[in-house]
Structures are given as C-alpha cells and as structure tokens.
C-alpha cells in the first residue's frame, strides 16, 4: 500500500466474508459473466457490508497485524507505505474478527 491509509485495505472485506460473525448479513444476487463468448447469469453470495455490523475498523485490524509482527511499514519516496502478505493478513483478520465478534463470542 503506497501512501494509502490502513483503513482502505479492501482485502479485509474477503476476511469479513470468510469469518463466522454473529451479526453477519449475507446477500444473494445474480451477476452476468462472459463465458465462452456468451453472457450467462451466475448466483453470487456476498457479505452485506452496507448493513450495520460490530464496531471495528480495517485500520484496527491492520495495526494489530503489524504489532504481531506481520507486514512491514516504511517510506517509499514521500509516501508512508505498508507491505502485507495477503494470505497472512487474511488469516490473521479472520481469527481476529472471530475472536471478538464470532458467532460464539
């Protein structure tokens, strides 16, 4: 992440989708895709991030990951920048979310 704030890590939406959260709202809809030159409609399941959910921020999760020794922070030119392993951050975020807001929390 070059110069972007930690609260903008959209990868963490994937972690929200994977985590078993107590207040999770799942939605289903159809989406057109091109397959073999033809438009087909597929069913999609998604975590409804527009619904109210537990109080946490992506920045809070990223800071916790950095504090646990994941990722790196430094300067690239004048930009405060972060380097994260996508799989590592995702796994950490799922565990972090489930520990605090999981269906068993």
PDB file of N, CA and C in Angstrom:
ATOM      1  N   UNK A   1       0.854  -1.157   0.000  1.00  0.00           N
ATOM      2  CA  UNK A   1       0.000   0.000   0.000  1.00  0.00           C
ATOM      3  C   UNK A   1       0.900   1.219   0.000  1.00  0.00           C
ATOM      4  N   UNK A   2       0.904   1.943  -1.105  1.00  0.00           N
ATOM      5  CA  UNK A   2       1.763   3.110  -1.245  1.00  0.00           C
ATOM      6  C   UNK A   2       0.993   4.380  -0.936  1.00  0.00           C
ATOM      7  N   UNK A   3       1.207   4.926   0.253  1.00  0.00           N
ATOM      8  CA  UNK A   3       0.580   6.185   0.620  1.00  0.00           C
ATOM      9  C   UNK A   3      -0.898   6.093   0.961  1.00  0.00           C
ATOM     10  N   UNK A   4      -1.451   4.907   0.988  1.00  0.00           N
ATOM     11  CA  UNK A   4      -2.882   4.743   1.293  1.00  0.00           C
ATOM     12  C   UNK A   4      -3.066   4.490   2.779  1.00  0.00           C
ATOM     13  N   UNK A   5      -4.130   5.017   3.371  1.00  0.00           N
ATOM     14  CA  UNK A   5      -4.381   4.765   4.793  1.00  0.00           C
ATOM     15  C   UNK A   5      -4.763   3.308   5.041  1.00  0.00           C
ATOM     16  N   UNK A   6      -4.426   2.821   6.220  1.00  0.00           N
ATOM     17  CA  UNK A   6      -4.689   1.417   6.559  1.00  0.00           C
ATOM     18  C   UNK A   6      -6.175   1.065   6.530  1.00  0.00           C
ATOM     19  N   UNK A   7      -7.029   2.035   6.696  1.00  0.00           N
ATOM     20  CA  UNK A   7      -8.466   1.767   6.677  1.00  0.00           C
ATOM     21  C   UNK A   7      -9.010   1.440   5.296  1.00  0.00           C
ATOM     22  N   UNK A   8      -8.150   1.461   4.283  1.00  0.00           N
ATOM     23  CA  UNK A   8      -8.615   1.227   2.912  1.00  0.00           C
ATOM     24  C   UNK A   8      -8.180  -0.124   2.351  1.00  0.00           C
ATOM     25  N   UNK A   9      -7.804  -1.058   3.201  1.00  0.00           N
ATOM     26  CA  UNK A   9      -7.364  -2.384   2.737  1.00  0.00           C
ATOM     27  C   UNK A   9      -8.597  -3.200   2.361  1.00  0.00           C
ATOM     28  N   UNK A  10      -8.979  -3.156   1.120  1.00  0.00           N
ATOM     29  CA  UNK A  10     -10.207  -3.838   0.695  1.00  0.00           C
ATOM     30  C   UNK A  10     -10.086  -5.350   0.781  1.00  0.00           C
ATOM     31  N   UNK A  11      -8.880  -5.898   0.850  1.00  0.00           N
ATOM     32  CA  UNK A  11      -8.698  -7.334   1.061  1.00  0.00           C
ATOM     33  C   UNK A  11      -9.432  -7.791   2.323  1.00  0.00           C
ATOM     34  N   UNK A  12      -9.559  -6.905   3.290  1.00  0.00           N
ATOM     35  CA  UNK A  12     -10.202  -7.288   4.549  1.00  0.00           C
ATOM     36  C   UNK A  12     -11.701  -7.533   4.392  1.00  0.00           C
ATOM     37  N   UNK A  13     -12.299  -7.089   3.293  1.00  0.00           N
ATOM     38  CA  UNK A  13     -13.688  -7.479   3.027  1.00  0.00           C
ATOM     39  C   UNK A  13     -13.761  -8.990   2.797  1.00  0.00           C
ATOM     40  N   UNK A  14     -12.723  -9.551   2.190  1.00  0.00           N
ATOM     41  CA  UNK A  14     -12.679 -11.003   1.992  1.00  0.00           C
ATOM     42  C   UNK A  14     -12.597 -11.716   3.347  1.00  0.00           C
ATOM     43  N   UNK A  15     -11.815 -11.185   4.266  1.00  0.00           N
ATOM     44  CA  UNK A  15     -11.730 -11.764   5.610  1.00  0.00           C
ATOM     45  C   UNK A  15     -13.087 -11.701   6.306  1.00  0.00           C
ATOM     46  N   UNK A  16     -13.808 -10.597   6.143  1.00  0.00           N
ATOM     47  CA  UNK A  16     -15.153 -10.485   6.720  1.00  0.00           C
ATOM     48  C   UNK A  16     -16.066 -11.569   6.142  1.00  0.00           C
ATOM     49  N   UNK A  17     -15.951 -11.796   4.852  1.00  0.00           N
ATOM     50  CA  UNK A  17     -16.773 -12.823   4.205  1.00  0.00           C
ATOM     51  C   UNK A  17     -16.450 -14.206   4.760  1.00  0.00           C
ATOM     52  N   UNK A  18     -15.179 -14.509   4.982  1.00  0.00           N
ATOM     53  CA  UNK A  18     -14.764 -15.821   5.463  1.00  0.00           C
ATOM     54  C   UNK A  18     -15.076 -16.049   6.944  1.00  0.00           C
ATOM     55  N   UNK A  19     -15.026 -15.005   7.743  1.00  0.00           N
ATOM     56  CA  UNK A  19     -15.192 -15.133   9.193  1.00  0.00           C
ATOM     57  C   UNK A  19     -16.627 -15.497   9.558  1.00  0.00           C
ATOM     58  N   UNK A  20     -16.746 -16.300  10.594  1.00  0.00           N
ATOM     59  CA  UNK A  20     -18.055 -16.653  11.156  1.00  0.00           C
ATOM     60  C   UNK A  20     -18.403 -15.588  12.195  1.00  0.00           C
ATOM     61  N   UNK A  21     -19.175 -14.590  11.779  1.00  0.00           N
ATOM     62  CA  UNK A  21     -19.503 -13.453  12.635  1.00  0.00           C
ATOM     63  C   UNK A  21     -20.949 -13.524  13.106  1.00  0.00           C
ATOM     64  N   UNK A  22     -21.176 -13.072  14.334  1.00  0.00           N
ATOM     65  CA  UNK A  22     -22.515 -13.178  14.926  1.00  0.00           C
ATOM     66  C   UNK A  22     -23.534 -12.260  14.271  1.00  0.00           C
ATOM     67  N   UNK A  23     -23.127 -11.136  13.736  1.00  0.00           N
ATOM     68  CA  UNK A  23     -24.062 -10.194  13.131  1.00  0.00           C
ATOM     69  C   UNK A  23     -23.873 -10.107  11.624  1.00  0.00           C
ATOM     70  N   UNK A  24     -23.517 -11.203  11.025  1.00  0.00           N
ATOM     71  CA  UNK A  24     -23.215 -11.210   9.596  1.00  0.00           C
ATOM     72  C   UNK A  24     -24.496 -11.262   8.781  1.00  0.00           C
ATOM     73  N   UNK A  25     -24.609 -10.357   7.837  1.00  0.00           N
ATOM     74  CA  UNK A  25     -25.736 -10.344   6.905  1.00  0.00           C
ATOM     75  C   UNK A  25     -25.219 -10.783   5.542  1.00  0.00           C
ATOM     76  N   UNK A  26     -25.733 -11.890   5.046  1.00  0.00           N
ATOM     77  CA  UNK A  26     -25.320 -12.421   3.753  1.00  0.00           C
ATOM     78  C   UNK A  26     -26.426 -12.131   2.749  1.00  0.00           C
ATOM     79  N   UNK A  27     -26.015 -11.710   1.549  1.00  0.00           N
ATOM     80  CA  UNK A  27     -26.983 -11.444   0.490  1.00  0.00           C
ATOM     81  C   UNK A  27     -26.666 -12.341  -0.711  1.00  0.00           C
ATOM     82  N   UNK A  28     -27.685 -12.582  -1.516  1.00  0.00           N
ATOM     83  CA  UNK A  28     -27.537 -13.360  -2.744  1.00  0.00           C
ATOM     84  C   UNK A  28     -28.100 -12.538  -3.897  1.00  0.00           C
ATOM     85  N   UNK A  29     -27.424 -12.594  -5.021  1.00  0.00           N
ATOM     86  CA  UNK A  29     -27.898 -11.893  -6.206  1.00  0.00           C
ATOM     87  C   UNK A  29     -27.309 -12.571  -7.434  1.00  0.00           C
ATOM     88  N   UNK A  30     -27.788 -12.186  -8.598  1.00  0.00           N
ATOM     89  CA  UNK A  30     -27.260 -12.728  -9.830  1.00  0.00           C
ATOM     90  C   UNK A  30     -26.391 -11.685 -10.521  1.00  0.00           C
ATOM     91  N   UNK A  31     -25.379 -12.176 -11.219  1.00  0.00           N
ATOM     92  CA  UNK A  31     -24.409 -11.307 -11.874  1.00  0.00           C
ATOM     93  C   UNK A  31     -24.098 -11.875 -13.261  1.00  0.00           C
ATOM     94  N   UNK A  32     -24.060 -11.017 -14.285  1.00  0.00           N
ATOM     95  CA  UNK A  32     -23.723 -11.515 -15.623  1.00  0.00           C
ATOM     96  C   UNK A  32     -22.215 -11.689 -15.777  1.00  0.00           C
ATOM     97  N   UNK A  33     -21.803 -12.799 -16.400  1.00  0.00           N
ATOM     98  CA  UNK A  33     -20.392 -13.024 -16.718  1.00  0.00           C
ATOM     99  C   UNK A  33     -20.298 -13.536 -18.148  1.00  0.00           C
ATOM    100  N   UNK A  34     -19.157 -13.308 -18.755  1.00  0.00           N
ATOM    101  CA  UNK A  34     -18.925 -13.777 -20.116  1.00  0.00           C
ATOM    102  C   UNK A  34     -18.222 -15.125 -20.039  1.00  0.00           C
ATOM    103  N   UNK A  35     -18.838 -16.150 -20.620  1.00  0.00           N
ATOM    104  CA  UNK A  35     -18.256 -17.493 -20.615  1.00  0.00           C
ATOM    105  C   UNK A  35     -18.342 -18.057 -22.029  1.00  0.00           C
ATOM    106  N   UNK A  36     -17.193 -18.376 -22.604  1.00  0.00           N
ATOM    107  CA  UNK A  36     -17.137 -18.909 -23.974  1.00  0.00           C
ATOM    108  C   UNK A  36     -17.873 -18.006 -24.961  1.00  0.00           C
ATOM    109  N   UNK A  37     -17.709 -16.697 -24.801  1.00  0.00           N
ATOM    110  CA  UNK A  37     -18.316 -15.747 -25.718  1.00  0.00           C
ATOM    111  C   UNK A  37     -19.797 -15.489 -25.498  1.00  0.00           C
ATOM    112  N   UNK A  38     -20.366 -16.107 -24.474  1.00  0.00           N
ATOM    113  CA  UNK A  38     -21.789 -15.937 -24.174  1.00  0.00           C
ATOM    114  C   UNK A  38     -21.959 -15.312 -22.786  1.00  0.00           C
ATOM    115  N   UNK A  39     -22.946 -14.455 -22.667  1.00  0.00           N
ATOM    116  CA  UNK A  39     -23.270 -13.898 -21.350  1.00  0.00           C
ATOM    117  C   UNK A  39     -24.167 -14.880 -20.629  1.00  0.00           C
ATOM    118  N   UNK A  40     -23.731 -15.283 -19.426  1.00  0.00           N
ATOM    119  CA  UNK A  40     -24.561 -16.141 -18.578  1.00  0.00           C
ATOM    120  C   UNK A  40     -24.736 -15.437 -17.234  1.00  0.00           C
ATOM    121  N   UNK A  41     -25.758 -15.819 -16.517  1.00  0.00           N
ATOM    122  CA  UNK A  41     -26.017 -15.250 -15.196  1.00  0.00           C
ATOM    123  C   UNK A  41     -25.653 -16.289 -14.155  1.00  0.00           C
ATOM    124  N   UNK A  42     -24.842 -15.872 -13.169  1.00  0.00           N
ATOM    125  CA  UNK A  42     -24.458 -16.782 -12.099  1.00  0.00           C
ATOM    126  C   UNK A  42     -24.985 -16.260 -10.766  1.00  0.00           C
ATOM    127  N   UNK A  43     -25.181 -17.172  -9.828  1.00  0.00           N
ATOM    128  CA  UNK A  43     -25.591 -16.798  -8.478  1.00  0.00           C
ATOM    129  C   UNK A  43     -24.352 -16.417  -7.678  1.00  0.00           C
ATOM    130  N   UNK A  44     -24.454 -15.321  -6.938  1.00  0.00           N
ATOM    131  CA  UNK A  44     -23.350 -14.801  -6.138  1.00  0.00           C
ATOM    132  C   UNK A  44     -23.821 -14.656  -4.696  1.00  0.00           C
ATOM    133  N   UNK A  45     -22.950 -15.038  -3.764  1.00  0.00           N
ATOM    134  CA  UNK A  45     -23.206 -14.825  -2.334  1.00  0.00           C
ATOM    135  C   UNK A  45     -22.171 -13.829  -1.840  1.00  0.00           C
ATOM    136  N   UNK A  46     -22.596 -12.869  -1.034  1.00  0.00           N
ATOM    137  CA  UNK A  46     -21.685 -11.826  -0.574  1.00  0.00           C
ATOM    138  C   UNK A  46     -22.037 -11.412   0.845  1.00  0.00           C
ATOM    139  N   UNK A  47     -21.041 -10.883   1.551  1.00  0.00           N
ATOM    140  CA  UNK A  47     -21.242 -10.300   2.869  1.00  0.00           C
ATOM    141  C   UNK A  47     -21.776  -8.891   2.663  1.00  0.00           C
ATOM    142  N   UNK A  48     -22.912  -8.588   3.222  1.00  0.00           N
ATOM    143  CA  UNK A  48     -23.555  -7.295   3.025  1.00  0.00           C
ATOM    144  C   UNK A  48     -22.901  -6.255   3.924  1.00  0.00           C
ATOM    145  N   UNK A  49     -21.902  -5.583   3.395  1.00  0.00           N
ATOM    146  CA  UNK A  49     -21.165  -4.591   4.181  1.00  0.00           C
ATOM    147  C   UNK A  49     -21.932  -3.283   4.337  1.00  0.00           C
ATOM    148  N   UNK A  50     -23.072  -3.155   3.650  1.00  0.00           N
ATOM    149  CA  UNK A  50     -23.862  -1.930   3.812  1.00  0.00           C
ATOM    150  C   UNK A  50     -24.742  -1.996   5.060  1.00  0.00           C
ATOM    151  N   UNK A  51     -24.906  -3.194   5.627  1.00  0.00           N
ATOM    152  CA  UNK A  51     -25.677  -3.359   6.861  1.00  0.00           C
ATOM    153  C   UNK A  51     -24.805  -3.016   8.067  1.00  0.00           C
ATOM    154  N   UNK A  52     -25.429  -2.547   9.122  1.00  0.00           N
ATOM    155  CA  UNK A  52     -24.695  -2.258  10.359  1.00  0.00           C
ATOM    156  C   UNK A  52     -24.074  -3.546  10.896  1.00  0.00           C
ATOM    157  N   UNK A  53     -22.860  -3.440  11.416  1.00  0.00           N
ATOM    158  CA  UNK A  53     -22.194  -4.607  11.986  1.00  0.00           C
ATOM    159  C   UNK A  53     -21.413  -4.168  13.218  1.00  0.00           C
ATOM    160  N   UNK A  54     -20.669  -5.105  13.793  1.00  0.00           N
ATOM    161  CA  UNK A  54     -19.928  -4.803  15.015  1.00  0.00           C
ATOM    162  C   UNK A  54     -18.921  -3.671  14.788  1.00  0.00           C
ATOM    163  N   UNK A  55     -18.529  -3.034  15.894  1.00  0.00           N
ATOM    164  CA  UNK A  55     -17.655  -1.861  15.831  1.00  0.00           C
ATOM    165  C   UNK A  55     -16.186  -2.266  15.746  1.00  0.00           C
ATOM    166  N   UNK A  56     -15.627  -2.192  14.551  1.00  0.00           N
ATOM    167  CA  UNK A  56     -14.205  -2.389  14.323  1.00  0.00           C
ATOM    168  C   UNK A  56     -13.857  -1.657  13.033  1.00  0.00           C
ATOM    169  N   UNK A  57     -12.577  -1.452  12.827  1.00  0.00           N
ATOM    170  CA  UNK A  57     -12.140  -0.807  11.595  1.00  0.00           C
ATOM    171  C   UNK A  57     -11.038  -1.641  10.948  1.00  0.00           C
ATOM    172  N   UNK A  58     -10.893  -1.478   9.654  1.00  0.00           N
ATOM    173  CA  UNK A  58      -9.811  -2.162   8.957  1.00  0.00           C
ATOM    174  C   UNK A  58      -8.459  -1.671   9.469  1.00  0.00           C
ATOM    175  N   UNK A  59      -8.375  -0.402   9.819  1.00  0.00           N
ATOM    176  CA  UNK A  59      -7.127   0.128  10.371  1.00  0.00           C
ATOM    177  C   UNK A  59      -6.773  -0.583  11.678  1.00  0.00           C
ATOM    178  N   UNK A  60      -7.767  -0.831  12.516  1.00  0.00           N
ATOM    179  CA  UNK A  60      -7.538  -1.530  13.786  1.00  0.00           C
ATOM    180  C   UNK A  60      -6.984  -2.932  13.545  1.00  0.00           C
ATOM    181  N   UNK A  61      -7.539  -3.642  12.572  1.00  0.00           N
ATOM    182  CA  UNK A  61      -7.065  -4.992  12.248  1.00  0.00           C
ATOM    183  C   UNK A  61      -5.637  -4.929  11.708  1.00  0.00           C
ATOM    184  N   UNK A  62      -5.361  -4.001  10.801  1.00  0.00           N
ATOM    185  CA  UNK A  62      -4.029  -3.880  10.212  1.00  0.00           C
ATOM    186  C   UNK A  62      -2.991  -3.512  11.268  1.00  0.00           C
ATOM    187  N   UNK A  63      -3.336  -2.608  12.177  1.00  0.00           N
ATOM    188  CA  UNK A  63      -2.403  -2.234  13.248  1.00  0.00           C
ATOM    189  C   UNK A  63      -2.104  -3.431  14.149  1.00  0.00           C
ATOM    190  N   UNK A  64      -3.122  -4.244  14.435  1.00  0.00           N
ATOM    191  CA  UNK A  64      -2.918  -5.444  15.257  1.00  0.00           C
ATOM    192  C   UNK A  64      -2.006  -6.441  14.539  1.00  0.00           C
ATOM    193  N   UNK A  65      -2.171  -6.575  13.228  1.00  0.00           N
ATOM    194  CA  UNK A  65      -1.322  -7.473  12.438  1.00  0.00           C
ATOM    195  C   UNK A  65       0.127  -6.982  12.457  1.00  0.00           C
ATOM    196  N   UNK A  66       0.324  -5.691  12.289  1.00  0.00           N
ATOM    197  CA  UNK A  66       1.674  -5.127  12.353  1.00  0.00           C
ATOM    198  C   UNK A  66       2.286  -5.331  13.738  1.00  0.00           C
ATOM    199  N   UNK A  67       1.511  -5.112  14.791  1.00  0.00           N
ATOM    200  CA  UNK A  67       2.001  -5.277  16.163  1.00  0.00           C
ATOM    201  C   UNK A  67       2.378  -6.731  16.452  1.00  0.00           C
ATOM    202  N   UNK A  68       1.721  -7.664  15.774  1.00  0.00           N
ATOM    203  CA  UNK A  68       2.012  -9.087  15.957  1.00  0.00           C
ATOM    204  C   UNK A  68       3.205  -9.539  15.108  1.00  0.00           C
ATOM    205  N   UNK A  69       3.820  -8.608  14.385  1.00  0.00           N
ATOM    206  CA  UNK A  69       4.996  -8.939  13.596  1.00  0.00           C
ATOM    207  C   UNK A  69       4.706  -9.232  12.134  1.00  0.00           C
ATOM    208  N   UNK A  70       3.463  -9.058  11.711  1.00  0.00           N
ATOM    209  CA  UNK A  70       3.123  -9.268  10.308  1.00  0.00           C
ATOM    210  C   UNK A  70       3.303  -7.989   9.521  1.00  0.00           C
ATOM    211  N   UNK A  71       3.666  -8.125   8.277  1.00  0.00           N
ATOM    212  CA  UNK A  71       3.776  -6.957   7.405  1.00  0.00           C
ATOM    213  C   UNK A  71       4.984  -6.099   7.724  1.00  0.00           C
ATOM    214  N   UNK A  72       5.107  -5.033   6.980  1.00  0.00           N
ATOM    215  CA  UNK A  72       6.212  -4.092   7.166  1.00  0.00           C
ATOM    216  C   UNK A  72       5.715  -2.686   6.845  1.00  0.00           C
ATOM    217  N   UNK A  73       6.336  -1.715   7.485  1.00  0.00           N
ATOM    218  CA  UNK A  73       5.992  -0.311   7.277  1.00  0.00           C
ATOM    219  C   UNK A  73       7.272   0.443   6.954  1.00  0.00           C
ATOM    220  N   UNK A  74       7.188   1.362   6.003  1.00  0.00           N
ATOM    221  CA  UNK A  74       8.339   2.179   5.658  1.00  0.00           C
ATOM    222  C   UNK A  74       7.944   3.291   4.719  1.00  0.00           C
ATOM    223  N   UNK A  75       8.922   4.003   4.242  1.00  0.00           N
ATOM    224  CA  UNK A  75       8.700   5.104   3.317  1.00  0.00           C
ATOM    225  C   UNK A  75       9.078   4.663   1.907  1.00  0.00           C
ATOM    226  N   UNK A  76       8.249   5.006   0.954  1.00  0.00           N
ATOM    227  CA  UNK A  76       8.572   4.875  -0.462  1.00  0.00           C
ATOM    228  C   UNK A  76       8.444   6.282  -1.017  1.00  0.00           C
ATOM    229  N   UNK A  77       9.578   6.903  -1.279  1.00  0.00           N
ATOM    230  CA  UNK A  77       9.567   8.324  -1.614  1.00  0.00           C
ATOM    231  C   UNK A  77       9.052   9.089  -0.414  1.00  0.00           C
ATOM    232  N   UNK A  78       8.043   9.910  -0.608  1.00  0.00           N
ATOM    233  CA  UNK A  78       7.431  10.656   0.490  1.00  0.00           C
ATOM    234  C   UNK A  78       6.207   9.963   1.061  1.00  0.00           C
ATOM    235  N   UNK A  79       5.895   8.766   0.565  1.00  0.00           N
ATOM    236  CA  UNK A  79       4.667   8.076   0.967  1.00  0.00           C
ATOM    237  C   UNK A  79       4.923   7.073   2.082  1.00  0.00           C
ATOM    238  N   UNK A  80       4.144   7.189   3.140  1.00  0.00           N
ATOM    239  CA  UNK A  80       4.129   6.169   4.176  1.00  0.00           C
ATOM    240  C   UNK A  80       3.495   4.928   3.555  1.00  0.00           C
ATOM    241  N   UNK A  81       4.201   3.790   3.588  1.00  0.00           N
ATOM    242  CA  UNK A  81       3.758   2.614   2.841  1.00  0.00           C
ATOM    243  C   UNK A  81       3.805   1.355   3.699  1.00  0.00           C
ATOM    244  N   UNK A  82       3.002   0.374   3.313  1.00  0.00           N
ATOM    245  CA  UNK A  82       2.905  -0.890   4.027  1.00  0.00           C
ATOM    246  C   UNK A  82       3.005  -2.034   3.036  1.00  0.00           C
ATOM    247  N   UNK A  83       3.633  -3.115   3.483  1.00  0.00           N
ATOM    248  CA  UNK A  83       3.715  -4.336   2.698  1.00  0.00           C
ATOM    249  C   UNK A  83       3.102  -5.453   3.530  1.00  0.00           C
ATOM    250  N   UNK A  84       2.083  -6.107   2.968  1.00  0.00           N
ATOM    251  CA  UNK A  84       1.405  -7.190   3.656  1.00  0.00           C
ATOM    252  C   UNK A  84       1.390  -8.436   2.785  1.00  0.00           C
ATOM    253  N   UNK A  85       1.548  -9.593   3.401  1.00  0.00           N
ATOM    254  CA  UNK A  85       1.309 -10.860   2.733  1.00  0.00           C
ATOM    255  C   UNK A  85      -0.202 -11.075   2.752  1.00  0.00           C
ATOM    256  N   UNK A  86      -0.820 -11.203   1.588  1.00  0.00           N
ATOM    257  CA  UNK A  86      -2.284 -11.274   1.505  1.00  0.00           C
ATOM    258  C   UNK A  86      -2.844 -12.447   2.294  1.00  0.00           C
ATOM    259  N   UNK A  87      -2.263 -13.623   2.139  1.00  0.00           N
ATOM    260  CA  UNK A  87      -2.775 -14.802   2.859  1.00  0.00           C
ATOM    261  C   UNK A  87      -2.570 -14.648   4.365  1.00  0.00           C
ATOM    262  N   UNK A  88      -1.422 -14.126   4.761  1.00  0.00           N
ATOM    263  CA  UNK A  88      -1.147 -13.937   6.184  1.00  0.00           C
ATOM    264  C   UNK A  88      -2.089 -12.938   6.827  1.00  0.00           C
ATOM    265  N   UNK A  89      -2.299 -11.811   6.163  1.00  0.00           N
ATOM    266  CA  UNK A  89      -3.202 -10.790   6.692  1.00  0.00           C
ATOM    267  C   UNK A  89      -4.636 -11.309   6.732  1.00  0.00           C
ATOM    268  N   UNK A  90      -5.048 -12.016   5.694  1.00  0.00           N
ATOM    269  CA  UNK A  90      -6.416 -12.552   5.662  1.00  0.00           C
ATOM    270  C   UNK A  90      -6.633 -13.535   6.803  1.00  0.00           C
ATOM    271  N   UNK A  91      -5.729 -14.480   6.977  1.00  0.00           N
ATOM    272  CA  UNK A  91      -5.858 -15.458   8.067  1.00  0.00           C
ATOM    273  C   UNK A  91      -5.879 -14.801   9.436  1.00  0.00           C
ATOM    274  N   UNK A  92      -5.000 -13.826   9.630  1.00  0.00           N
ATOM    275  CA  UNK A  92      -4.966 -13.078  10.886  1.00  0.00           C
ATOM    276  C   UNK A  92      -6.287 -12.368  11.113  1.00  0.00           C
ATOM    277  N   UNK A  93      -6.791 -11.702  10.086  1.00  0.00           N
ATOM    278  CA  UNK A  93      -8.028 -10.931  10.214  1.00  0.00           C
ATOM    279  C   UNK A  93      -9.219 -11.827  10.519  1.00  0.00           C
ATOM    280  N   UNK A  94      -9.304 -12.988   9.887  1.00  0.00           N
ATOM    281  CA  UNK A  94     -10.403 -13.922  10.174  1.00  0.00           C
ATOM    282  C   UNK A  94     -10.364 -14.317  11.643  1.00  0.00           C
ATOM    283  N   UNK A  95      -9.188 -14.711  12.129  1.00  0.00           N
ATOM    284  CA  UNK A  95      -9.059 -15.106  13.539  1.00  0.00           C
ATOM    285  C   UNK A  95      -9.375 -13.936  14.471  1.00  0.00           C
ATOM    286  N   UNK A  96      -8.884 -12.743  14.147  1.00  0.00           N
ATOM    287  CA  UNK A  96      -9.111 -11.547  14.959  1.00  0.00           C
ATOM    288  C   UNK A  96     -10.604 -11.241  15.041  1.00  0.00           C
ATOM    289  N   UNK A  97     -11.271 -11.266  13.903  1.00  0.00           N
ATOM    290  CA  UNK A  97     -12.712 -10.991  13.865  1.00  0.00           C
ATOM    291  C   UNK A  97     -13.509 -12.036  14.634  1.00  0.00           C
ATOM    292  N   UNK A  98     -13.199 -13.310  14.424  1.00  0.00           N
ATOM    293  CA  UNK A  98     -13.949 -14.378  15.107  1.00  0.00           C
ATOM    294  C   UNK A  98     -13.733 -14.359  16.612  1.00  0.00           C
ATOM    295  N   UNK A  99     -12.512 -14.015  17.050  1.00  0.00           N
ATOM    296  CA  UNK A  99     -12.244 -13.948  18.481  1.00  0.00           C
ATOM    297  C   UNK A  99     -13.102 -12.871  19.147  1.00  0.00           C
ATOM    298  N   UNK A 100     -13.286 -11.756  18.489  1.00  0.00           N
ATOM    299  CA  UNK A 100     -14.007 -10.629  19.076  1.00  0.00           C
ATOM    300  C   UNK A 100     -15.490 -10.595  18.747  1.00  0.00           C
ATOM    301  N   UNK A 101     -15.851 -11.036  17.543  1.00  0.00           N
ATOM    302  CA  UNK A 101     -17.221 -10.882  17.056  1.00  0.00           C
ATOM    303  C   UNK A 101     -17.803 -12.155  16.463  1.00  0.00           C
ATOM    304  N   UNK A 102     -17.177 -13.286  16.762  1.00  0.00           N
ATOM    305  CA  UNK A 102     -17.619 -14.551  16.191  1.00  0.00           C
ATOM    306  C   UNK A 102     -18.965 -14.990  16.722  1.00  0.00           C
ATOM    307  N   UNK A 103     -19.525 -15.967  16.048  1.00  0.00           N
ATOM    308  CA  UNK A 103     -20.844 -16.466  16.429  1.00  0.00           C
ATOM    309  C   UNK A 103     -20.836 -17.057  17.829  1.00  0.00           C
ATOM    310  N   UNK A 104     -19.660 -17.432  18.338  1.00  0.00           N
ATOM    311  CA  UNK A 104     -19.541 -17.980  19.699  1.00  0.00           C
ATOM    312  C   UNK A 104     -19.031 -16.947  20.696  1.00  0.00           C
ATOM    313  N   UNK A 105     -18.740 -15.721  20.220  1.00  0.00           N
ATOM    314  CA  UNK A 105     -18.162 -14.685  21.120  1.00  0.00           C
ATOM    315  C   UNK A 105     -19.182 -14.182  22.107  1.00  0.00           C
TER     316      UNK A 105
END
